[in-house]
Amino acid sequence: MPAADDDFDVAFFPEGGTLLQDTYSRIAFKAVRADGLSTGVTGTIRDSDDRGIAAIRSTHLGMGNFLLMPEAGKSYHAVCTNEQGVTKRFELPQATGKGYALSCSWMNGRLHVSVLQPAGMPQQDNLWLVLHTRGIIQYIHKWNPGKKFETFAKDIFPSGVLQVLLLDANRTPLSERLVFVNNDDRARVAYQPDKNNYDYRSLVSNRVQLTN
């Protein structure tokens, strides 16, 4: 049976890929209609006791985010209403009591990178932080568990998608974040023809100047 025109779905994406217990985490969401196009939604995050925790609202093309600190032993769901007034319930990913998740944010032109873990779980693993753009490594270093975060100046990265990876001692990825960097470092092209108009099959001579 074809889906109704007002049907929709909402997917939730914990930052770093894992939702951790007793730890504030940023959760992104995206709402789409049955035809795959985005739709605006509003809603409420509720716990397994049906207690309202947070209000949510999409801000652009059905997307938005919110903060949540999931408690051990509880589950969470969202009650969302789309632009047509249809209300549906969606389950959030289950929080785990072990593991790690990366958190990244821009502040005053600097990238702040943190490693999140469930409250009360000491870091017992040798972790490595790697930042690279299109395979070119900008930073690789063993993570210091005594630091709350590492900061990086924006201008050390080329423009584009920066991949932030958290690895274990065996170089197995544990968490990943993709961050967009927009610096004024794109190539500039100047083009100058030798004539304003050309005869049929005439020789064309042009000057192209490319600067970084």
N, C-alpha and C. Protein backbone atom coordinates (compact mmCIF):
# COMPACT_ATOMS: atom_id res chain seq x y z
N MET A 1 0.85 -1.19 0.00
CA MET A 1 0.00 0.00 0.00
C MET A 1 0.89 1.25 0.00
N PRO A 2 0.64 2.19 -0.89
CA PRO A 2 1.46 3.41 -0.91
C PRO A 2 1.32 4.19 0.39
N ALA A 3 2.43 4.86 0.79
CA ALA A 3 2.42 5.66 2.00
C ALA A 3 1.57 6.91 1.80
N ALA A 4 0.93 7.36 2.86
CA ALA A 4 0.10 8.56 2.79
C ALA A 4 0.99 9.78 2.55
N ASP A 5 0.40 10.80 1.90
CA ASP A 5 1.16 12.01 1.58
C ASP A 5 1.64 12.74 2.82
N ASP A 6 0.93 12.57 3.94
CA ASP A 6 1.33 13.28 5.16
C ASP A 6 2.16 12.40 6.11
N ASP A 7 2.57 11.20 5.64
CA ASP A 7 3.40 10.34 6.47
C ASP A 7 4.82 10.89 6.52
N PHE A 8 5.54 10.62 7.61
CA PHE A 8 6.90 11.11 7.75
C PHE A 8 7.68 10.23 8.70
N ASP A 9 9.00 10.41 8.70
CA ASP A 9 9.88 9.65 9.57
C ASP A 9 10.95 10.58 10.12
N VAL A 10 11.40 10.32 11.34
CA VAL A 10 12.45 11.12 11.97
C VAL A 10 13.56 10.18 12.41
N ALA A 11 14.80 10.45 11.97
CA ALA A 11 15.97 9.67 12.36
C ALA A 11 16.84 10.49 13.31
N PHE A 12 17.47 9.83 14.27
CA PHE A 12 18.27 10.50 15.30
C PHE A 12 19.71 10.02 15.23
N PHE A 13 20.65 10.97 15.38
CA PHE A 13 22.07 10.67 15.20
C PHE A 13 22.87 11.25 16.38
N PRO A 14 23.24 10.44 17.38
CA PRO A 14 24.06 10.93 18.48
C PRO A 14 25.43 11.38 17.97
N GLU A 15 25.93 12.48 18.50
CA GLU A 15 27.24 12.97 18.08
C GLU A 15 28.31 11.94 18.42
N GLY A 16 29.18 11.68 17.47
CA GLY A 16 30.22 10.68 17.67
C GLY A 16 29.76 9.26 17.45
N GLY A 17 28.47 9.06 17.17
CA GLY A 17 27.95 7.75 16.82
C GLY A 17 27.39 6.93 17.97
N THR A 18 27.66 7.33 19.23
CA THR A 18 27.22 6.54 20.38
C THR A 18 26.58 7.45 21.42
N LEU A 19 25.43 7.04 21.93
CA LEU A 19 24.76 7.77 23.01
C LEU A 19 25.21 7.15 24.33
N LEU A 20 25.79 7.97 25.21
CA LEU A 20 26.40 7.48 26.44
C LEU A 20 25.55 7.83 27.66
N GLN A 21 25.51 6.92 28.63
CA GLN A 21 24.72 7.12 29.84
C GLN A 21 25.33 8.20 30.73
N ASP A 22 24.46 8.99 31.35
CA ASP A 22 24.86 9.99 32.35
C ASP A 22 25.89 10.98 31.80
N THR A 23 25.82 11.26 30.51
CA THR A 23 26.74 12.19 29.86
C THR A 23 25.94 13.06 28.90
N TYR A 24 26.14 14.38 28.99
CA TYR A 24 25.45 15.27 28.06
C TYR A 24 25.95 15.01 26.65
N SER A 25 25.03 14.74 25.76
CA SER A 25 25.37 14.46 24.36
C SER A 25 24.49 15.30 23.45
N ARG A 26 25.07 15.72 22.33
CA ARG A 26 24.30 16.41 21.30
C ARG A 26 23.74 15.37 20.35
N ILE A 27 22.46 15.46 20.06
CA ILE A 27 21.80 14.51 19.16
C ILE A 27 21.19 15.31 18.00
N ALA A 28 21.61 14.99 16.80
CA ALA A 28 21.03 15.61 15.61
C ALA A 28 19.85 14.77 15.13
N PHE A 29 18.92 15.41 14.41
CA PHE A 29 17.81 14.66 13.84
C PHE A 29 17.46 15.21 12.47
N LYS A 30 16.82 14.37 11.68
CA LYS A 30 16.38 14.78 10.35
C LYS A 30 15.02 14.15 10.08
N ALA A 31 14.08 14.98 9.66
CA ALA A 31 12.71 14.52 9.36
C ALA A 31 12.49 14.55 7.86
N VAL A 32 11.96 13.46 7.32
CA VAL A 32 11.67 13.37 5.89
C VAL A 32 10.26 12.84 5.67
N ARG A 33 9.66 13.25 4.57
CA ARG A 33 8.34 12.75 4.19
C ARG A 33 8.48 11.38 3.54
N ALA A 34 7.34 10.81 3.19
CA ALA A 34 7.34 9.49 2.55
C ALA A 34 8.03 9.52 1.20
N ASP A 35 8.05 10.70 0.53
CA ASP A 35 8.71 10.80 -0.78
C ASP A 35 10.19 11.12 -0.67
N GLY A 36 10.73 11.17 0.55
CA GLY A 36 12.15 11.41 0.75
C GLY A 36 12.54 12.86 0.92
N LEU A 37 11.60 13.79 0.70
CA LEU A 37 11.89 15.20 0.87
C LEU A 37 11.74 15.60 2.34
N SER A 38 12.42 16.67 2.72
CA SER A 38 12.42 17.08 4.12
C SER A 38 11.08 17.69 4.52
N THR A 39 10.82 17.67 5.82
CA THR A 39 9.62 18.31 6.36
C THR A 39 9.96 18.89 7.73
N GLY A 40 9.41 20.02 8.04
CA GLY A 40 9.61 20.62 9.35
C GLY A 40 8.83 19.88 10.42
N VAL A 41 9.41 19.77 11.62
CA VAL A 41 8.74 19.10 12.73
C VAL A 41 8.99 19.86 14.03
N THR A 42 8.06 19.71 14.94
CA THR A 42 8.25 20.13 16.32
C THR A 42 7.93 18.93 17.20
N GLY A 43 8.44 18.94 18.43
CA GLY A 43 8.15 17.79 19.28
C GLY A 43 8.74 17.89 20.66
N THR A 44 8.62 16.78 21.39
CA THR A 44 9.10 16.70 22.76
C THR A 44 9.84 15.39 22.96
N ILE A 45 10.98 15.47 23.64
CA ILE A 45 11.70 14.26 24.04
C ILE A 45 11.16 13.83 25.39
N ARG A 46 10.79 12.55 25.50
CA ARG A 46 10.19 12.04 26.73
C ARG A 46 10.94 10.77 27.15
N ASP A 47 10.97 10.54 28.48
CA ASP A 47 11.66 9.35 28.98
C ASP A 47 10.67 8.20 29.14
N SER A 48 11.17 7.06 29.66
CA SER A 48 10.33 5.87 29.80
C SER A 48 9.23 6.04 30.84
N ASP A 49 9.31 7.08 31.67
CA ASP A 49 8.23 7.42 32.59
C ASP A 49 7.25 8.40 31.97
N ASP A 50 7.43 8.67 30.66
CA ASP A 50 6.61 9.62 29.89
C ASP A 50 6.72 11.04 30.43
N ARG A 51 7.88 11.35 30.96
CA ARG A 51 8.13 12.71 31.46
C ARG A 51 8.83 13.52 30.39
N GLY A 52 8.34 14.72 30.14
CA GLY A 52 8.94 15.58 29.13
C GLY A 52 10.33 16.03 29.54
N ILE A 53 11.32 15.87 28.64
CA ILE A 53 12.72 16.19 28.94
C ILE A 53 13.16 17.45 28.19
N ALA A 54 12.83 17.55 26.91
CA ALA A 54 13.29 18.67 26.09
C ALA A 54 12.34 18.88 24.93
N ALA A 55 12.22 20.14 24.51
CA ALA A 55 11.44 20.47 23.32
C ALA A 55 12.39 20.55 22.13
N ILE A 56 11.94 20.09 20.97
CA ILE A 56 12.77 20.12 19.77
C ILE A 56 12.00 20.79 18.64
N ARG A 57 12.76 21.37 17.71
CA ARG A 57 12.17 22.01 16.53
C ARG A 57 13.21 21.99 15.42
N SER A 58 12.80 21.56 14.25
CA SER A 58 13.73 21.59 13.11
C SER A 58 13.98 23.03 12.71
N THR A 59 15.20 23.31 12.24
CA THR A 59 15.57 24.68 11.88
C THR A 59 15.89 24.85 10.41
N HIS A 60 16.21 23.75 9.71
CA HIS A 60 16.55 23.87 8.29
C HIS A 60 16.38 22.52 7.61
N LEU A 61 15.51 22.47 6.62
CA LEU A 61 15.29 21.26 5.82
C LEU A 61 15.03 20.03 6.70
N GLY A 62 14.21 20.21 7.72
CA GLY A 62 13.84 19.10 8.58
C GLY A 62 14.90 18.69 9.58
N MET A 63 16.00 19.46 9.67
CA MET A 63 17.10 19.09 10.55
C MET A 63 17.16 19.98 11.78
N GLY A 64 17.71 19.44 12.86
CA GLY A 64 17.89 20.19 14.10
C GLY A 64 18.73 19.36 15.05
N ASN A 65 18.93 19.87 16.27
CA ASN A 65 19.68 19.11 17.27
C ASN A 65 19.25 19.55 18.66
N PHE A 66 19.59 18.74 19.64
CA PHE A 66 19.25 19.04 21.03
C PHE A 66 20.25 18.33 21.93
N LEU A 67 20.29 18.73 23.21
CA LEU A 67 21.15 18.10 24.20
C LEU A 67 20.33 17.16 25.08
N LEU A 68 20.94 16.05 25.45
CA LEU A 68 20.27 15.07 26.30
C LEU A 68 21.31 14.37 27.17
N MET A 69 20.97 14.16 28.45
CA MET A 69 21.81 13.36 29.33
C MET A 69 20.99 12.13 29.72
N PRO A 70 21.12 11.03 28.99
CA PRO A 70 20.30 9.85 29.27
C PRO A 70 20.73 9.16 30.56
N GLU A 71 19.76 8.80 31.37
CA GLU A 71 20.04 8.12 32.63
C GLU A 71 20.10 6.61 32.41
N ALA A 72 20.95 5.96 33.18
CA ALA A 72 21.04 4.50 33.12
C ALA A 72 19.70 3.88 33.49
N GLY A 73 19.31 2.88 32.75
CA GLY A 73 18.06 2.18 33.04
C GLY A 73 16.83 2.80 32.42
N LYS A 74 16.99 3.91 31.71
CA LYS A 74 15.85 4.55 31.07
C LYS A 74 15.99 4.53 29.56
N SER A 75 14.86 4.54 28.89
CA SER A 75 14.83 4.69 27.44
C SER A 75 14.13 6.01 27.11
N TYR A 76 14.30 6.47 25.87
CA TYR A 76 13.78 7.78 25.49
C TYR A 76 13.13 7.70 24.11
N HIS A 77 12.14 8.53 23.93
CA HIS A 77 11.46 8.60 22.64
C HIS A 77 11.07 10.04 22.35
N ALA A 78 10.74 10.30 21.11
CA ALA A 78 10.32 11.63 20.69
C ALA A 78 8.89 11.56 20.16
N VAL A 79 8.08 12.53 20.54
CA VAL A 79 6.73 12.68 20.00
C VAL A 79 6.78 13.92 19.10
N CYS A 80 6.67 13.69 17.78
CA CYS A 80 6.89 14.75 16.80
C CYS A 80 5.63 14.99 15.96
N THR A 81 5.45 16.26 15.60
CA THR A 81 4.33 16.67 14.75
C THR A 81 4.88 17.35 13.52
N ASN A 82 4.41 16.94 12.33
CA ASN A 82 4.93 17.53 11.10
C ASN A 82 4.09 18.73 10.67
N GLU A 83 4.40 19.27 9.48
CA GLU A 83 3.75 20.49 8.99
C GLU A 83 2.28 20.27 8.67
N GLN A 84 1.87 19.02 8.46
CA GLN A 84 0.46 18.71 8.18
C GLN A 84 -0.33 18.42 9.45
N GLY A 85 0.34 18.51 10.61
CA GLY A 85 -0.36 18.27 11.88
C GLY A 85 -0.43 16.83 12.30
N VAL A 86 0.31 15.95 11.61
CA VAL A 86 0.33 14.53 11.97
C VAL A 86 1.36 14.31 13.07
N THR A 87 0.99 13.57 14.11
CA THR A 87 1.87 13.31 15.26
C THR A 87 2.23 11.83 15.30
N LYS A 88 3.53 11.58 15.48
CA LYS A 88 4.02 10.20 15.55
C LYS A 88 5.06 10.09 16.66
N ARG A 89 5.29 8.86 17.09
CA ARG A 89 6.29 8.56 18.13
C ARG A 89 7.48 7.86 17.49
N PHE A 90 8.70 8.26 17.93
CA PHE A 90 9.93 7.67 17.41
C PHE A 90 10.87 7.35 18.57
N GLU A 91 11.45 6.15 18.55
CA GLU A 91 12.38 5.74 19.60
C GLU A 91 13.76 6.33 19.34
N LEU A 92 14.43 6.79 20.41
CA LEU A 92 15.80 7.24 20.32
C LEU A 92 16.74 6.05 20.49
N PRO A 93 17.98 6.16 20.00
CA PRO A 93 18.94 5.06 20.23
C PRO A 93 19.14 4.81 21.71
N GLN A 94 19.36 3.56 22.07
CA GLN A 94 19.56 3.20 23.47
C GLN A 94 20.93 3.64 23.93
N ALA A 95 21.00 4.27 25.10
CA ALA A 95 22.28 4.72 25.65
C ALA A 95 23.06 3.53 26.21
N THR A 96 24.38 3.62 26.12
CA THR A 96 25.24 2.55 26.59
C THR A 96 26.08 3.02 27.78
N GLY A 97 26.49 2.09 28.62
CA GLY A 97 27.27 2.43 29.80
C GLY A 97 28.76 2.28 29.60
N LYS A 98 29.19 2.04 28.36
CA LYS A 98 30.62 1.93 28.08
C LYS A 98 30.89 2.47 26.68
N GLY A 99 32.15 2.80 26.45
CA GLY A 99 32.53 3.31 25.13
C GLY A 99 32.91 4.79 25.17
N TYR A 100 33.15 5.34 24.00
CA TYR A 100 33.60 6.72 23.85
C TYR A 100 32.87 7.36 22.68
N ALA A 101 32.81 8.68 22.71
CA ALA A 101 32.21 9.43 21.60
C ALA A 101 32.92 10.77 21.49
N LEU A 102 33.19 11.19 20.26
CA LEU A 102 33.82 12.48 20.02
C LEU A 102 32.77 13.59 20.00
N SER A 103 33.16 14.75 20.50
CA SER A 103 32.32 15.94 20.43
C SER A 103 33.18 17.07 19.87
N CYS A 104 32.66 17.78 18.86
CA CYS A 104 33.40 18.87 18.21
C CYS A 104 32.51 20.11 18.11
N SER A 105 33.13 21.27 18.32
CA SER A 105 32.40 22.53 18.18
C SER A 105 33.37 23.64 17.87
N TRP A 106 32.87 24.66 17.13
CA TRP A 106 33.66 25.85 16.82
C TRP A 106 33.39 26.92 17.86
N MET A 107 34.47 27.51 18.38
CA MET A 107 34.36 28.62 19.33
C MET A 107 35.47 29.62 19.05
N ASN A 108 35.06 30.85 18.67
CA ASN A 108 36.02 31.93 18.44
C ASN A 108 37.11 31.54 17.44
N GLY A 109 36.70 30.90 16.35
CA GLY A 109 37.64 30.55 15.31
C GLY A 109 38.53 29.36 15.62
N ARG A 110 38.23 28.63 16.67
CA ARG A 110 39.02 27.46 17.03
C ARG A 110 38.11 26.24 17.16
N LEU A 111 38.64 25.09 16.76
CA LEU A 111 37.90 23.84 16.86
C LEU A 111 38.22 23.18 18.20
N HIS A 112 37.17 22.93 18.99
CA HIS A 112 37.31 22.26 20.28
C HIS A 112 36.88 20.80 20.12
N VAL A 113 37.77 19.89 20.48
CA VAL A 113 37.50 18.45 20.36
C VAL A 113 37.55 17.82 21.75
N SER A 114 36.49 17.12 22.13
CA SER A 114 36.41 16.44 23.42
C SER A 114 36.14 14.96 23.21
N VAL A 115 36.57 14.16 24.17
CA VAL A 115 36.25 12.73 24.19
C VAL A 115 35.28 12.50 25.32
N LEU A 116 34.07 12.07 24.99
CA LEU A 116 33.04 11.81 25.98
C LEU A 116 33.05 10.33 26.37
N GLN A 117 32.70 10.06 27.62
CA GLN A 117 32.55 8.70 28.09
C GLN A 117 31.53 8.68 29.21
N PRO A 118 30.91 7.53 29.48
CA PRO A 118 29.89 7.48 30.54
C PRO A 118 30.45 7.94 31.88
N ALA A 119 29.64 8.65 32.64
CA ALA A 119 30.07 9.14 33.94
C ALA A 119 30.49 7.98 34.83
N GLY A 120 31.62 8.15 35.51
CA GLY A 120 32.10 7.11 36.42
C GLY A 120 32.93 6.04 35.75
N MET A 121 33.07 6.08 34.43
CA MET A 121 33.88 5.08 33.74
C MET A 121 35.26 5.68 33.45
N PRO A 122 36.30 5.27 34.18
CA PRO A 122 37.62 5.83 33.92
C PRO A 122 38.16 5.35 32.58
N GLN A 123 38.96 6.20 31.95
CA GLN A 123 39.56 5.81 30.67
C GLN A 123 40.70 4.84 30.93
N GLN A 124 40.53 3.62 30.48
CA GLN A 124 41.55 2.59 30.67
C GLN A 124 42.26 2.24 29.37
N ASP A 125 41.80 2.79 28.28
CA ASP A 125 42.37 2.47 26.97
C ASP A 125 43.38 3.54 26.55
N ASN A 126 44.34 3.12 25.74
CA ASN A 126 45.24 4.07 25.09
C ASN A 126 44.56 4.55 23.82
N LEU A 127 44.13 5.79 23.84
CA LEU A 127 43.38 6.35 22.72
C LEU A 127 44.25 7.31 21.92
N TRP A 128 43.96 7.36 20.62
CA TRP A 128 44.68 8.26 19.72
C TRP A 128 43.68 9.14 18.98
N LEU A 129 44.03 10.43 18.86
CA LEU A 129 43.20 11.38 18.14
C LEU A 129 43.87 11.72 16.82
N VAL A 130 43.12 11.59 15.74
CA VAL A 130 43.65 11.84 14.40
C VAL A 130 42.72 12.82 13.68
N LEU A 131 43.29 13.85 13.07
CA LEU A 131 42.54 14.80 12.26
C LEU A 131 43.18 14.85 10.88
N HIS A 132 42.37 14.63 9.85
CA HIS A 132 42.93 14.69 8.49
C HIS A 132 41.88 15.22 7.51
N THR A 133 42.37 15.78 6.43
CA THR A 133 41.52 16.29 5.36
C THR A 133 41.92 15.60 4.06
N ARG A 134 41.01 14.83 3.49
CA ARG A 134 41.25 14.12 2.24
C ARG A 134 42.54 13.30 2.29
N GLY A 135 42.76 12.66 3.45
CA GLY A 135 43.90 11.77 3.60
C GLY A 135 45.19 12.45 4.04
N ILE A 136 45.20 13.78 4.09
CA ILE A 136 46.38 14.51 4.54
C ILE A 136 46.23 14.77 6.04
N ILE A 137 47.11 14.18 6.85
CA ILE A 137 46.99 14.26 8.30
C ILE A 137 47.49 15.61 8.80
N GLN A 138 46.65 16.30 9.56
CA GLN A 138 47.04 17.56 10.20
C GLN A 138 47.46 17.35 11.66
N TYR A 139 46.96 16.26 12.28
CA TYR A 139 47.27 16.05 13.70
C TYR A 139 47.08 14.58 14.03
N ILE A 140 48.04 14.02 14.76
CA ILE A 140 47.89 12.67 15.32
C ILE A 140 48.67 12.63 16.62
N HIS A 141 47.98 12.26 17.69
CA HIS A 141 48.63 12.28 18.99
C HIS A 141 47.84 11.42 19.95
N LYS A 142 48.53 10.87 20.95
CA LYS A 142 47.87 10.09 21.98
C LYS A 142 47.00 11.01 22.83
N TRP A 143 45.77 10.57 23.09
CA TRP A 143 44.83 11.40 23.86
C TRP A 143 45.20 11.39 25.33
N ASN A 144 45.25 12.58 25.91
CA ASN A 144 45.55 12.74 27.32
C ASN A 144 44.24 12.70 28.11
N PRO A 145 43.99 11.66 28.91
CA PRO A 145 42.70 11.56 29.63
C PRO A 145 42.51 12.65 30.66
N GLY A 146 43.60 13.35 31.05
CA GLY A 146 43.48 14.41 32.03
C GLY A 146 42.99 15.73 31.44
N LYS A 147 42.93 15.82 30.11
CA LYS A 147 42.48 17.05 29.46
C LYS A 147 41.00 16.93 29.10
N LYS A 148 40.29 18.04 29.25
CA LYS A 148 38.87 18.03 28.89
C LYS A 148 38.68 18.15 27.39
N PHE A 149 39.58 18.88 26.73
CA PHE A 149 39.46 19.03 25.29
C PHE A 149 40.79 19.50 24.69
N GLU A 150 40.91 19.34 23.38
CA GLU A 150 42.02 19.89 22.61
C GLU A 150 41.44 20.96 21.69
N THR A 151 42.22 22.02 21.45
CA THR A 151 41.76 23.07 20.55
C THR A 151 42.73 23.21 19.39
N PHE A 152 42.16 23.58 18.24
CA PHE A 152 42.95 23.72 17.01
C PHE A 152 42.53 25.00 16.30
N ALA A 153 43.52 25.78 15.84
CA ALA A 153 43.21 26.98 15.07
C ALA A 153 42.61 26.59 13.72
N LYS A 154 41.63 27.33 13.29
CA LYS A 154 40.92 27.02 12.05
C LYS A 154 41.83 27.06 10.84
N ASP A 155 42.79 28.00 10.84
CA ASP A 155 43.59 28.20 9.63
C ASP A 155 44.66 27.13 9.41
N ILE A 156 44.79 26.15 10.31
CA ILE A 156 45.75 25.07 10.05
C ILE A 156 45.14 24.00 9.15
N PHE A 157 43.82 24.09 8.90
CA PHE A 157 43.14 23.11 8.07
C PHE A 157 42.81 23.71 6.71
N PRO A 158 42.91 22.95 5.63
CA PRO A 158 42.40 23.43 4.34
C PRO A 158 40.88 23.38 4.34
N SER A 159 40.27 24.17 3.47
CA SER A 159 38.81 24.15 3.37
C SER A 159 38.32 22.78 2.90
N GLY A 160 37.16 22.41 3.39
CA GLY A 160 36.57 21.13 3.02
C GLY A 160 36.14 20.36 4.26
N VAL A 161 35.93 19.07 4.10
CA VAL A 161 35.45 18.22 5.18
C VAL A 161 36.66 17.67 5.94
N LEU A 162 36.71 18.01 7.22
CA LEU A 162 37.76 17.53 8.12
C LEU A 162 37.22 16.30 8.85
N GLN A 163 37.99 15.21 8.81
CA GLN A 163 37.59 13.98 9.50
C GLN A 163 38.34 13.89 10.82
N VAL A 164 37.58 13.77 11.91
CA VAL A 164 38.15 13.63 13.24
C VAL A 164 37.90 12.19 13.70
N LEU A 165 38.95 11.49 14.05
CA LEU A 165 38.85 10.08 14.40
C LEU A 165 39.42 9.83 15.79
N LEU A 166 38.76 8.95 16.53
CA LEU A 166 39.28 8.45 17.81
C LEU A 166 39.60 6.97 17.62
N LEU A 167 40.87 6.60 17.84
CA LEU A 167 41.33 5.24 17.62
C LEU A 167 41.78 4.61 18.92
N ASP A 168 41.68 3.27 19.00
CA ASP A 168 42.25 2.58 20.15
C ASP A 168 43.71 2.23 19.86
N ALA A 169 44.35 1.47 20.77
CA ALA A 169 45.76 1.16 20.62
C ALA A 169 46.05 0.34 19.37
N ASN A 170 45.05 -0.38 18.86
CA ASN A 170 45.21 -1.18 17.65
C ASN A 170 44.83 -0.41 16.40
N ARG A 171 44.62 0.90 16.57
CA ARG A 171 44.23 1.80 15.47
C ARG A 171 42.85 1.46 14.91
N THR A 172 42.00 0.89 15.76
CA THR A 172 40.62 0.61 15.36
C THR A 172 39.77 1.83 15.67
N PRO A 173 39.00 2.35 14.70
CA PRO A 173 38.16 3.53 14.95
C PRO A 173 37.08 3.24 15.99
N LEU A 174 36.99 4.13 16.99
CA LEU A 174 35.97 4.03 18.02
C LEU A 174 34.87 5.06 17.84
N SER A 175 35.22 6.22 17.26
CA SER A 175 34.25 7.29 17.06
C SER A 175 34.75 8.18 15.93
N GLU A 176 33.80 8.83 15.26
CA GLU A 176 34.15 9.69 14.12
C GLU A 176 33.26 10.92 14.10
N ARG A 177 33.84 12.05 13.74
CA ARG A 177 33.09 13.28 13.50
C ARG A 177 33.58 13.91 12.22
N LEU A 178 32.66 14.39 11.41
CA LEU A 178 33.00 15.13 10.20
C LEU A 178 32.68 16.60 10.45
N VAL A 179 33.66 17.46 10.19
CA VAL A 179 33.53 18.89 10.46
C VAL A 179 33.84 19.65 9.18
N PHE A 180 32.99 20.61 8.82
CA PHE A 180 33.24 21.41 7.62
C PHE A 180 34.08 22.63 7.98
N VAL A 181 35.15 22.83 7.22
CA VAL A 181 36.05 23.96 7.41
C VAL A 181 35.91 24.89 6.21
N ASN A 182 35.67 26.16 6.47
CA ASN A 182 35.50 27.14 5.40
C ASN A 182 36.50 28.28 5.60
N ASN A 183 37.68 28.13 5.01
CA ASN A 183 38.71 29.16 5.06
C ASN A 183 38.77 29.89 3.72
N ASP A 184 39.40 31.05 3.72
CA ASP A 184 39.57 31.82 2.48
C ASP A 184 40.84 31.36 1.79
N ASP A 185 40.83 30.09 1.33
CA ASP A 185 42.03 29.53 0.73
C ASP A 185 41.76 28.88 -0.62
N ARG A 186 40.68 29.24 -1.25
CA ARG A 186 40.36 28.67 -2.54
C ARG A 186 41.17 29.34 -3.65
N ALA A 187 41.46 28.59 -4.68
CA ALA A 187 42.22 29.13 -5.81
C ALA A 187 41.41 30.21 -6.53
N ARG A 188 42.12 31.21 -7.07
CA ARG A 188 41.49 32.30 -7.82
C ARG A 188 41.93 32.22 -9.27
N VAL A 189 40.99 32.35 -10.16
CA VAL A 189 41.26 32.22 -11.59
C VAL A 189 40.91 33.53 -12.28
N ALA A 190 41.86 34.05 -13.05
CA ALA A 190 41.63 35.24 -13.88
C ALA A 190 41.76 34.83 -15.35
N TYR A 191 40.79 35.23 -16.17
CA TYR A 191 40.76 34.82 -17.58
C TYR A 191 40.70 36.05 -18.46
N GLN A 192 41.56 36.08 -19.49
CA GLN A 192 41.60 37.23 -20.38
C GLN A 192 41.75 36.75 -21.83
N PRO A 193 40.73 36.99 -22.69
CA PRO A 193 40.87 36.62 -24.11
C PRO A 193 41.67 37.69 -24.86
N ASP A 194 42.21 37.32 -26.03
CA ASP A 194 42.98 38.30 -26.81
C ASP A 194 42.09 39.16 -27.70
N LYS A 195 40.81 38.76 -27.88
CA LYS A 195 39.87 39.53 -28.67
C LYS A 195 38.49 39.50 -28.02
N ASN A 196 37.68 40.48 -28.37
CA ASN A 196 36.30 40.47 -27.91
C ASN A 196 35.42 39.59 -28.78
N ASN A 197 35.76 39.51 -30.08
CA ASN A 197 34.99 38.71 -31.04
C ASN A 197 35.96 37.95 -31.93
N TYR A 198 35.52 36.78 -32.39
CA TYR A 198 36.37 35.93 -33.22
C TYR A 198 35.67 35.59 -34.52
N ASP A 199 36.47 35.48 -35.61
CA ASP A 199 35.95 35.00 -36.88
C ASP A 199 35.82 33.48 -36.83
N TYR A 200 35.03 32.95 -37.76
CA TYR A 200 34.81 31.51 -37.82
C TYR A 200 36.14 30.78 -38.03
N ARG A 201 36.44 29.80 -37.17
CA ARG A 201 37.62 28.96 -37.22
C ARG A 201 38.92 29.76 -37.10
N SER A 202 38.84 30.92 -36.47
CA SER A 202 40.06 31.71 -36.27
C SER A 202 40.81 31.22 -35.04
N LEU A 203 42.09 31.56 -35.01
CA LEU A 203 42.93 31.16 -33.88
C LEU A 203 42.51 31.92 -32.62
N VAL A 204 42.39 31.19 -31.53
CA VAL A 204 41.99 31.79 -30.25
C VAL A 204 43.19 31.68 -29.29
N SER A 205 43.55 32.80 -28.72
CA SER A 205 44.64 32.83 -27.75
C SER A 205 44.12 33.47 -26.46
N ASN A 206 44.23 32.73 -25.37
CA ASN A 206 43.71 33.22 -24.10
C ASN A 206 44.79 33.17 -23.03
N ARG A 207 44.60 33.99 -22.00
CA ARG A 207 45.51 33.98 -20.85
C ARG A 207 44.71 33.60 -19.61
N VAL A 208 45.18 32.57 -18.91
CA VAL A 208 44.55 32.13 -17.67
C VAL A 208 45.59 32.23 -16.55
N GLN A 209 45.23 32.93 -15.50
CA GLN A 209 46.13 33.08 -14.36
C GLN A 209 45.49 32.43 -13.14
N LEU A 210 46.21 31.50 -12.54
CA LEU A 210 45.71 30.76 -11.39
C LEU A 210 46.60 31.05 -10.18
N THR A 211 46.01 31.53 -9.11
CA THR A 211 46.76 31.84 -7.89
C THR A 211 46.11 31.16 -6.71
N ASN A 212 46.93 30.78 -5.71
CA ASN A 212 46.38 30.12 -4.53
C ASN A 212 46.11 31.14 -3.45
